[in-house]
Protein backbone atom coordinates (compact mmCIF):
# COMPACT_ATOMS: atom_id res chain seq x y z
CA MET A 1 13.17 15.82 5.66
CA ILE A 2 12.18 18.82 3.74
CA SER A 3 14.64 19.87 1.02
CA PRO A 4 16.08 23.46 0.66
CA LEU A 5 14.32 24.06 -2.66
CA GLN A 6 10.73 23.02 -0.91
CA LYS A 7 11.59 25.24 2.17
CA ASP A 8 12.38 28.36 -0.32
CA ILE A 9 9.12 27.44 -2.11
CA ASN A 10 7.28 27.43 1.34
CA ASP A 11 8.84 30.78 2.30
CA ILE A 12 7.85 32.55 -1.19
CA LYS A 13 4.37 31.01 -0.63
CA THR A 14 3.82 32.62 2.97
CA TYR A 15 5.38 35.97 1.71
CA LEU A 16 2.90 35.77 -1.38
CA LEU A 17 0.05 35.23 0.69
CA GLU A 18 0.74 38.11 3.02
CA MET A 19 0.91 40.32 -0.03
CA CYS A 20 -2.22 38.92 -1.23
CA GLY A 21 -3.95 39.94 2.02
CA LEU A 22 -2.54 43.54 2.09
CA VAL A 23 -3.37 44.10 -1.55
CA GLU A 24 -7.18 42.81 -1.01
CA GLU A 25 -7.34 44.91 2.25
CA SER A 26 -6.11 48.06 0.56
CA LEU A 27 -8.56 47.48 -2.42
CA ARG A 28 -11.65 46.96 0.14
CA THR A 29 -10.42 49.97 2.40
CA ALA A 30 -10.39 52.21 -0.71
CA ILE A 31 -14.00 51.40 -1.66
CA LEU A 32 -15.02 51.78 2.00
CA ALA A 33 -13.35 55.14 1.99
CA LEU A 34 -15.34 56.07 -1.09
CA LYS A 35 -18.69 55.03 0.19
CA HIS A 36 -18.34 56.56 3.70
CA ARG A 37 -16.37 59.69 2.38
CA ASP A 38 -13.76 58.66 5.09
CA PRO A 39 -10.63 60.33 4.54
CA GLU A 40 -8.72 58.34 7.45
CA LEU A 41 -9.56 55.22 5.66
CA ALA A 42 -8.37 56.78 2.57
CA LYS A 43 -4.93 57.59 4.26
CA ARG A 44 -4.57 54.27 5.62
CA VAL A 45 -4.66 52.91 2.02
CA ILE A 46 -2.03 55.18 1.00
CA GLU A 47 0.30 54.49 3.98
CA GLN A 48 0.12 50.66 3.43
CA ASP A 49 1.39 50.98 -0.10
CA SER A 50 4.93 51.02 1.08
CA ARG A 51 4.59 47.70 2.66
CA ILE A 52 3.14 46.20 -0.31
CA ASP A 53 6.21 47.64 -2.46
CA ALA A 54 8.59 46.19 0.03
CA LEU A 55 7.08 42.69 -0.18
CA GLU A 56 6.94 42.86 -4.09
CA ASN A 57 10.99 43.59 -4.02
CA ASN A 58 11.60 41.12 -1.33
CA ILE A 59 9.70 38.26 -2.98
CA ASP A 60 11.04 39.23 -6.32
CA THR A 61 14.60 38.95 -4.87
CA PHE A 62 13.91 35.59 -3.12
CA CYS A 63 12.68 34.02 -6.33
CA LEU A 64 15.98 35.07 -8.38
CA LYS A 65 17.99 33.63 -5.45
CA THR A 66 15.97 30.44 -5.76
CA LEU A 67 16.25 30.20 -9.39
CA ALA A 68 19.92 30.82 -9.54
CA LEU A 69 20.85 28.46 -6.32
CA ARG A 70 18.25 25.83 -6.51
CA GLN A 71 17.78 25.29 -10.29
CA PRO A 72 13.97 24.29 -9.89
CA VAL A 73 12.50 22.24 -12.55
CA ALA A 74 8.82 21.41 -13.73
CA SER A 75 5.99 22.28 -11.41
CA ASP A 76 8.55 24.02 -8.92
CA LEU A 77 9.86 26.20 -11.70
CA ARG A 78 6.24 26.99 -12.90
CA PHE A 79 5.49 28.16 -9.34
CA ILE A 80 8.36 30.54 -9.08
CA THR A 81 7.99 31.94 -12.50
CA SER A 82 4.21 32.44 -11.80
CA ALA A 83 4.93 34.02 -8.36
CA MET A 84 7.18 36.48 -10.00
CA SER A 85 4.41 37.31 -12.42
CA MET A 86 1.81 37.38 -9.82
CA ILE A 87 3.81 40.03 -7.48
CA ARG A 88 3.75 42.53 -10.38
CA ASP A 89 0.01 42.32 -10.85
CA LEU A 90 -0.46 42.56 -7.16
CA GLU A 91 1.66 45.34 -6.73
CA ARG A 92 -0.22 47.24 -9.44
CA ILE A 93 -3.52 46.32 -7.82
CA GLY A 94 -2.13 48.01 -4.64
CA ASP A 95 -1.27 51.13 -6.93
CA GLN A 96 -4.95 51.16 -8.28
CA ALA A 97 -6.09 51.05 -4.65
CA VAL A 98 -3.83 54.15 -3.84
CA ASN A 99 -5.22 55.74 -7.03
CA VAL A 100 -8.84 55.34 -5.54
CA ALA A 101 -8.01 56.45 -2.33
CA GLU A 102 -6.12 59.59 -3.57
CA ARG A 103 -9.50 60.36 -5.58
CA VAL A 104 -11.59 60.09 -2.56
CA LEU A 105 -9.36 62.65 -0.87
CA TRP A 106 -9.72 64.99 -3.81
CA ILE A 107 -13.63 64.55 -4.11
CA MET A 108 -13.83 65.61 -0.51
CA GLU A 109 -12.18 68.87 -1.30
CA ASP A 110 -14.64 69.78 -3.69
CA SER A 111 -17.74 71.95 -2.55
CA GLN A 112 -20.13 70.52 -5.24
CA VAL A 113 -19.71 66.71 -5.41
CA LEU A 114 -21.39 64.16 -8.01
CA ASP A 115 -22.94 61.16 -6.24
CA PRO A 116 -21.35 58.02 -7.49
CA PRO A 117 -24.05 55.86 -9.42
CA LYS A 118 -24.95 52.39 -8.23
CA ASP A 119 -23.34 50.91 -10.93
CA LEU A 120 -19.94 52.12 -9.97
CA TYR A 121 -20.23 50.26 -6.50
CA ASP A 122 -21.31 47.21 -8.47
CA LEU A 123 -18.12 47.46 -10.60
CA ALA A 124 -16.25 47.76 -7.36
CA ASP A 125 -17.98 44.72 -5.89
CA GLU A 126 -17.12 42.79 -9.16
CA ALA A 127 -13.53 43.77 -9.01
CA ILE A 128 -13.16 42.81 -5.50
CA LYS A 129 -14.78 39.32 -6.12
CA MET A 130 -12.41 38.84 -9.11
CA LEU A 131 -9.45 39.53 -7.06
CA THR A 132 -10.73 37.41 -4.13
CA ASN A 133 -11.35 34.60 -6.48
CA ALA A 134 -7.96 34.80 -8.25
CA ILE A 135 -6.31 34.86 -4.72
CA ASN A 136 -8.32 31.87 -3.38
CA SER A 137 -7.70 30.07 -6.79
CA PHE A 138 -4.01 30.33 -5.98
CA VAL A 139 -4.31 29.44 -2.22
CA TYR A 140 -6.50 26.22 -3.28
CA ARG A 141 -4.71 25.42 -6.49
CA ASP A 142 -8.37 25.61 -8.09
CA THR A 143 -7.95 25.91 -12.00
CA ASN A 144 -11.70 25.99 -12.42
CA LEU A 145 -12.21 29.12 -10.19
CA ALA A 146 -9.04 30.68 -12.00
CA GLN A 147 -10.87 30.10 -15.31
CA GLU A 148 -14.00 31.47 -13.92
CA VAL A 149 -12.04 34.77 -13.00
CA LYS A 150 -10.63 34.81 -16.70
CA GLU A 151 -14.06 34.47 -18.21
CA HIS A 152 -15.66 36.99 -15.70
CA ASP A 153 -13.29 39.94 -17.29
CA GLU A 154 -15.54 40.71 -20.26
CA THR A 155 -18.40 41.29 -17.80
CA VAL A 156 -16.38 43.70 -16.04
CA ASP A 157 -15.29 45.52 -19.09
CA GLN A 158 -19.10 45.81 -20.17
CA LEU A 159 -20.12 47.18 -16.72
CA TYR A 160 -17.13 49.83 -16.87
CA ARG A 161 -18.17 51.09 -20.22
CA LYS A 162 -21.84 51.52 -18.89
CA VAL A 163 -20.40 53.23 -15.69
CA THR A 164 -18.27 55.56 -17.72
CA ASN A 165 -21.25 56.59 -20.16
CA GLU A 166 -23.54 57.32 -16.92
CA LEU A 167 -21.06 59.49 -15.39
CA ILE A 168 -20.35 61.37 -18.73
CA GLU A 169 -24.15 61.91 -18.99
CA LEU A 170 -24.50 63.06 -15.21
CA ILE A 171 -21.42 65.52 -15.90
CA LYS A 172 -23.20 66.90 -18.81
CA GLU A 173 -26.24 67.51 -16.70
CA ASN A 174 -24.69 68.98 -13.77
CA PRO A 175 -21.52 70.83 -15.22
CA GLN A 176 -20.55 72.23 -11.37
CA THR A 177 -19.82 68.77 -10.67
CA ALA A 178 -17.58 67.92 -13.36
CA ARG A 179 -14.37 67.78 -11.35
CA SER A 180 -15.63 64.88 -9.10
CA GLY A 181 -17.35 63.43 -12.01
CA VAL A 182 -14.02 63.09 -13.78
CA TYR A 183 -12.43 61.59 -10.56
CA LEU A 184 -15.20 59.05 -10.26
CA ILE A 185 -14.49 58.12 -13.99
CA VAL A 186 -10.97 57.61 -13.14
CA ILE A 187 -11.90 55.46 -9.90
CA ALA A 188 -14.06 53.20 -12.30
CA LEU A 189 -10.96 52.91 -14.73
CA ASN A 190 -8.87 51.91 -11.75
CA LEU A 191 -11.33 49.26 -11.01
CA GLU A 192 -11.44 47.88 -14.32
CA ARG A 193 -7.65 47.51 -14.31
CA VAL A 194 -8.08 45.51 -11.25
CA ALA A 195 -10.27 43.31 -13.07
CA ASP A 196 -7.48 42.92 -15.88
CA GLN A 197 -4.76 42.17 -13.17
CA ALA A 198 -6.93 39.64 -11.35
CA THR A 199 -7.48 37.92 -14.80
CA ASN A 200 -3.56 37.87 -15.12
CA ILE A 201 -3.13 36.24 -11.62
CA GLY A 202 -5.81 33.62 -12.61
CA GLU A 203 -3.90 32.77 -15.70
CA ASP A 204 -0.68 32.30 -13.71
CA VAL A 205 -2.57 29.98 -11.34
CA ILE A 206 -3.58 27.89 -14.34
CA TYR A 207 0.03 27.63 -15.59
CA TYR A 208 1.64 26.87 -12.25
CA VAL A 209 -0.99 24.15 -11.61
CA GLU A 210 -1.54 22.55 -14.89
CA GLY A 211 1.41 23.72 -16.86
CA ARG A 212 -0.98 25.27 -19.50
CA LEU A 213 -0.06 28.81 -20.60
CA VAL A 214 -3.51 29.99 -21.50
CA LYS A 215 -2.18 33.34 -22.59
CA HIS A 216 -0.69 31.84 -25.67
CA GLU A 217 -2.27 28.32 -25.76
CA ALA A 218 -2.72 28.84 -29.70
CA CYS A 219 1.13 29.25 -30.36
CA VAL A 220 3.14 27.36 -27.62
CA GLY A 221 2.27 23.95 -28.80
CA GLU A 222 4.14 20.95 -27.52
CA GLY A 223 8.04 20.75 -26.55
CA GLY A 224 8.45 22.06 -23.07
CA LEU A 225 12.17 22.89 -22.46
CA ALA A 226 14.22 23.36 -25.72
CA PRO A 227 17.72 21.61 -25.72
CA ILE A 228 20.87 23.87 -24.50
CA GLY A 229 23.70 25.17 -26.63
CA PRO A 230 24.26 28.07 -29.03
CA CYS A 231 21.39 30.21 -30.08
CA LYS A 232 22.54 32.68 -32.65
CA GLU A 233 19.61 32.76 -35.11
CA LEU A 234 17.26 33.00 -32.28
CA TRP A 235 18.90 36.08 -30.67
CA SER A 236 18.90 37.74 -34.14
CA CYS A 237 15.32 37.41 -34.58
CA LEU A 238 14.72 38.69 -30.88
CA LYS A 239 17.07 41.45 -31.80
CA LEU A 240 15.39 42.27 -35.12
CA HIS A 241 12.13 42.25 -33.25
CA ALA A 242 13.59 44.54 -30.77
CA GLU A 243 14.84 47.00 -33.47
CA TYR A 244 11.23 47.10 -35.03
CA VAL A 245 10.01 48.12 -31.47
CA GLN A 246 12.51 50.83 -30.98
CA SER A 247 11.74 52.16 -34.39
CA CYS A 248 8.20 52.47 -33.19
CA VAL A 249 9.00 54.34 -29.86
CA GLU A 250 11.49 56.49 -31.26
CA ARG A 251 8.85 58.16 -33.59
CA LEU A 252 6.55 58.57 -30.91
CA PRO A 253 7.60 62.04 -29.24
CA GLU A 254 7.48 63.63 -32.62
CA ALA A 255 3.99 62.21 -33.36
CA VAL A 256 2.64 63.54 -30.11
CA ARG A 257 4.40 66.88 -30.66
CA ALA A 258 2.87 67.39 -34.13
CA TYR A 259 -0.62 66.30 -32.62
CA PHE A 260 -0.51 69.25 -29.84
CA GLU A 261 0.98 71.83 -32.38
CA GLY A 262 -2.09 71.03 -34.63
CA ASP A 263 -0.09 69.46 -37.50
CA TYR A 264 -2.72 66.60 -37.71
CA GLU A 265 -1.35 65.55 -41.31
CA ARG A 266 2.06 65.16 -39.78
CA CYS A 267 0.93 63.20 -36.79
CA ARG A 268 -1.13 60.94 -39.31
CA PHE A 269 2.21 60.33 -41.29
CA MET A 270 4.03 59.46 -38.26
CA SER A 271 1.07 57.22 -36.99
CA ALA A 272 1.29 55.23 -40.25
CA GLU A 273 5.20 55.01 -39.97
CA ILE A 274 4.59 53.59 -36.50
CA SER A 275 1.88 51.09 -37.43
CA LYS A 276 4.28 50.05 -40.39
CA PHE A 277 7.11 49.08 -37.99
CA GLU A 278 4.52 47.61 -35.59
CA ARG A 279 3.35 45.17 -38.30
CA GLU A 280 6.93 44.12 -39.16
CA ALA A 281 7.48 43.57 -35.54
CA ASP A 282 4.38 41.27 -35.38
CA LYS A 283 5.67 39.44 -38.58
CA VAL A 284 8.93 38.40 -36.48
CA LYS A 285 7.00 37.77 -33.47
CA GLN A 286 4.95 35.21 -35.34
CA ASN A 287 7.86 33.78 -36.95
CA ILE A 288 9.54 33.08 -33.48
CA ARG A 289 6.44 31.80 -32.01
CA GLY A 290 5.29 29.53 -34.94
CA SER A 291 8.70 28.09 -35.60
CA LEU A 292 11.77 28.03 -33.65
CA PRO A 293 14.47 27.52 -36.16
CA LYS A 294 14.73 23.78 -36.63
CA GLY A 295 18.13 22.63 -34.71
CA ILE A 296 18.30 26.06 -32.74
CA ILE A 297 19.19 25.12 -29.35
CA ILE A 298 18.06 27.63 -26.67
CA PRO A 299 19.14 27.95 -22.87
CA VAL A 300 15.82 29.13 -21.89
CA ASP A 301 12.21 27.58 -21.17
CA LYS A 302 9.97 28.17 -24.23
CA PHE A 303 7.26 29.57 -22.16
CA GLU A 304 9.58 32.03 -20.63
CA LEU A 305 10.64 33.12 -23.75
CA PHE A 306 7.27 33.58 -25.31
CA LEU A 307 6.19 35.77 -22.24
CA TYR A 308 9.44 37.85 -22.87
CA LEU A 309 8.41 38.13 -26.55
CA LYS A 310 4.90 39.24 -25.55
CA GLU A 311 5.95 42.04 -23.35
CA GLN A 312 8.74 43.29 -25.87
CA ASP A 313 6.00 43.27 -28.65
CA ALA A 314 3.57 44.98 -26.11
CA ILE A 315 5.80 48.01 -26.09
CA ALA A 316 5.24 48.54 -29.86
CA ASP A 317 1.33 47.95 -29.23
CA SER A 318 1.45 50.72 -26.61
CA ALA A 319 2.97 53.23 -29.20
CA GLU A 320 0.21 52.50 -31.56
CA ASP A 321 -2.53 52.68 -28.82
CA ILE A 322 -1.45 56.14 -28.04
CA LEU A 323 -1.71 57.45 -31.50
CA ARG A 324 -5.07 55.59 -31.77
CA TRP A 325 -6.53 57.20 -28.80
CA LEU A 326 -5.14 60.72 -30.04
CA THR A 327 -7.12 60.28 -33.30
CA PHE A 328 -10.64 60.07 -30.99
CA ARG A 329 -10.34 63.77 -30.19
CA ARG A 330 -8.72 67.05 -30.93
CA THR A 331 -8.00 68.31 -27.58
CA GLN A 332 -6.27 71.52 -27.24
CA VAL A 333 -4.30 72.54 -24.15
CA SER A 334 -1.63 75.33 -23.32
CA PRO A 335 2.03 74.96 -24.49
CA VAL A 336 3.04 74.36 -20.82
CA ILE A 337 0.72 71.12 -20.53
CA ALA A 338 1.45 70.01 -24.27
CA ASN A 339 5.25 70.14 -23.29
CA GLN A 340 4.69 68.22 -20.11
CA ILE A 341 2.80 65.66 -22.11
CA ILE A 342 5.64 65.43 -24.55
CA GLU A 343 8.18 65.03 -21.83
CA LEU A 344 6.36 62.21 -20.54
CA VAL A 345 6.56 60.58 -23.61
CA GLU A 346 10.21 61.00 -23.94
CA THR A 347 10.65 59.69 -20.33
CA SER A 348 8.58 56.77 -21.20
CA VAL A 349 10.20 55.71 -24.33
CA SER A 350 13.72 55.87 -22.72
CA PRO A 351 13.60 52.63 -20.82
CA ALA A 352 12.36 51.00 -24.01
CA LYS A 353 15.60 52.12 -25.99
CA LEU A 354 18.11 49.98 -23.51
CA ILE A 355 16.24 46.57 -24.29
CA ILE A 356 18.57 46.15 -27.50
CA SER A 357 21.72 46.60 -25.37
CA MET A 358 20.27 44.21 -22.70
CA LEU A 359 19.66 41.79 -25.40
CA ASP A 360 23.16 41.92 -26.68
CA GLU A 361 24.79 41.47 -23.21
CA ALA A 362 22.21 38.55 -22.75
CA LYS A 363 23.32 36.84 -25.76
CA ALA A 364 27.05 37.57 -24.86
CA TYR A 365 26.37 35.94 -21.51
CA PHE A 366 24.71 32.94 -23.04
CA ASP A 367 27.60 32.49 -25.38
CA THR A 368 30.28 32.89 -23.01
CA ARG A 369 28.94 32.60 -19.51
CA LYS A 370 31.11 35.44 -18.27
CA GLU A 371 29.88 37.17 -15.14
CA GLY A 372 30.73 40.45 -16.43
CA HIS A 373 27.94 40.40 -18.94
CA TRP A 374 25.45 39.10 -16.30
CA ASP A 375 26.50 41.97 -14.32
CA THR A 376 25.84 44.40 -17.18
CA VAL A 377 22.50 42.99 -17.71
CA ARG A 378 21.49 43.23 -14.22
CA ASN A 379 22.49 46.91 -14.21
CA LEU A 380 20.78 47.61 -17.35
CA VAL A 381 17.62 46.08 -15.73
CA ARG A 382 17.89 48.34 -12.74
CA GLU A 383 18.23 51.29 -14.96
CA ILE A 384 15.21 50.37 -16.74
CA ARG A 385 13.23 50.02 -13.51
CA ARG A 386 14.51 53.28 -12.35
CA GLN A 387 13.36 55.15 -15.38
CA GLU A 388 10.07 53.37 -15.35
CA HIS A 389 9.70 54.67 -11.79
CA GLU A 390 10.50 58.16 -12.92
CA ALA A 391 7.97 58.03 -15.64
CA ASP A 392 5.48 56.76 -13.09
CA GLN A 393 6.11 59.79 -10.95
CA GLN A 394 6.16 62.03 -13.67
CA ALA A 395 2.62 60.79 -15.00
CA THR A 396 1.41 61.13 -11.32
CA ASP A 397 2.34 64.83 -11.32
CA LEU A 398 0.76 65.42 -14.91
CA ARG A 399 -2.41 64.24 -13.87
CA ARG A 400 -2.69 66.59 -10.92
CA GLU A 401 -2.15 69.32 -13.58
CA ILE A 402 -4.63 67.90 -15.95
CA PHE A 403 -7.30 67.60 -13.05
CA SER A 404 -6.78 71.58 -12.37
CA LEU A 405 -7.40 72.64 -15.84
CA PRO A 406 -10.34 74.69 -16.60
CA ILE A 407 -11.44 72.61 -19.74
CA GLU A 408 -14.56 70.53 -20.39
CA PRO A 409 -14.78 67.03 -18.50
CA LEU A 410 -14.43 64.90 -21.83
CA ALA A 411 -11.25 66.87 -22.56
CA VAL A 412 -9.93 65.90 -18.98
CA TYR A 413 -10.66 62.31 -19.39
CA HIS A 414 -9.08 62.26 -22.88
CA LEU A 415 -6.09 63.64 -21.39
CA LEU A 416 -5.95 61.32 -18.32
CA LYS A 417 -6.53 58.31 -20.54
CA LEU A 418 -3.50 59.42 -22.82
CA THR A 419 -1.04 59.45 -19.82
CA GLU A 420 -2.34 56.05 -18.88
CA PHE A 421 -1.54 54.77 -22.43
CA ILE A 422 1.80 56.51 -22.28
CA GLY A 423 2.93 54.88 -19.06
CA ASP A 424 2.22 51.59 -20.61
CA VAL A 425 5.19 51.86 -22.82
CA ALA A 426 7.58 52.14 -19.86
CA ASN A 427 5.60 49.55 -17.74
CA HIS A 428 6.09 46.99 -20.55
CA ALA A 429 9.61 47.80 -21.03
CA GLU A 430 10.03 47.03 -17.35
CA ASN A 431 8.13 43.67 -17.59
CA THR A 432 10.66 42.82 -20.51
CA ALA A 433 13.72 43.61 -18.53
CA ASP A 434 12.38 41.75 -15.47
CA LEU A 435 11.51 38.63 -17.76
CA MET A 436 15.11 38.76 -19.30
CA ARG A 437 16.57 38.99 -15.80
CA ALA A 438 14.54 35.79 -14.76
CA MET A 439 15.70 34.00 -17.74
CA ILE A 440 19.29 34.73 -17.19
CA ALA A 441 18.72 33.80 -13.34
CA ARG A 442 17.67 30.40 -14.55
């Protein structure tokens, strides 16, 4: 007779396969819409996104209930935590497909359109192949195929750089096609992101099947589950890391404001400050990874802890990425657009500022097991997700504004990529919150 846990796992697999199918269909349809300039296909992709989002929410809720009610261990635990990670990447691939479909519709509105180079379609084929192989590696529990996906990512990255350079040259040769050319660059960027997310899925499959955490093979080491009990020093380290991360993001709006005001000296100073705090965060991260204090007993699985730490650290890395990207080019825009970019930075930073409060409440819950602290953590997670969604919507509106600017294509590309880096701050804050929620549900 099948156990309640196994029934839940089978149901999660069924929903996950349905989500995989929808996401792959959306991506293929978006590329067909581009090839055939078919607005109906593009609209179908956009309309299907709500189904993908609903499946993500349903699977996430189901996984959390299973963690809380069934208390899975070993491979069952690995499957559920991997599923929760996979659905985030699948949902984002669905978003990438929507981004491609929207650009197809915008391209069709232009009177002078740049023909996509063959390499762009090759890039699309490679991204779709990686996604298909990642899904198949999950279906067939094939870690060799998952490893192939991971190793193929660099090939796609090289092809993406080649496509981008080709498009920039074509835009220079045909300035009247600049707008559609920039749209094609953004499409290429979305396809490169699909490959990254397919790689993440492959890594999740390897962990689920083999118990091998390839994201952090060098630092996880042996040990599996740590014992249970008080964990004051560990939480102090996590909070110290979070404080350094917050110090990074708090300085980000001022640094970006200085850049757009033309105060590059002030921007460089703020950038150095952010890099200093990011390095301190790295030191704390390495201390936690390399040697959990002897005798410290923690109520969470070590691999979950390392995943959480990775996402919390990525918030600071994103802040540094933003300022590094700004140094590549001095792009001047109107005060209106500059203010919108600064507002996006402030919105994206907001969810990251809630991480310390979430950590305090999580520690209190593990110390006391009082439901009030668990409820507060859940409310903070919901608020972080709400703020991330607000930042995402704000970024989408800003990109539309940027596309309409009468500036050179390279400047448009510089600003579009900037909005993507800014959005990463909120994305990683949301991932951090989701991982904390999963650890507590356990």
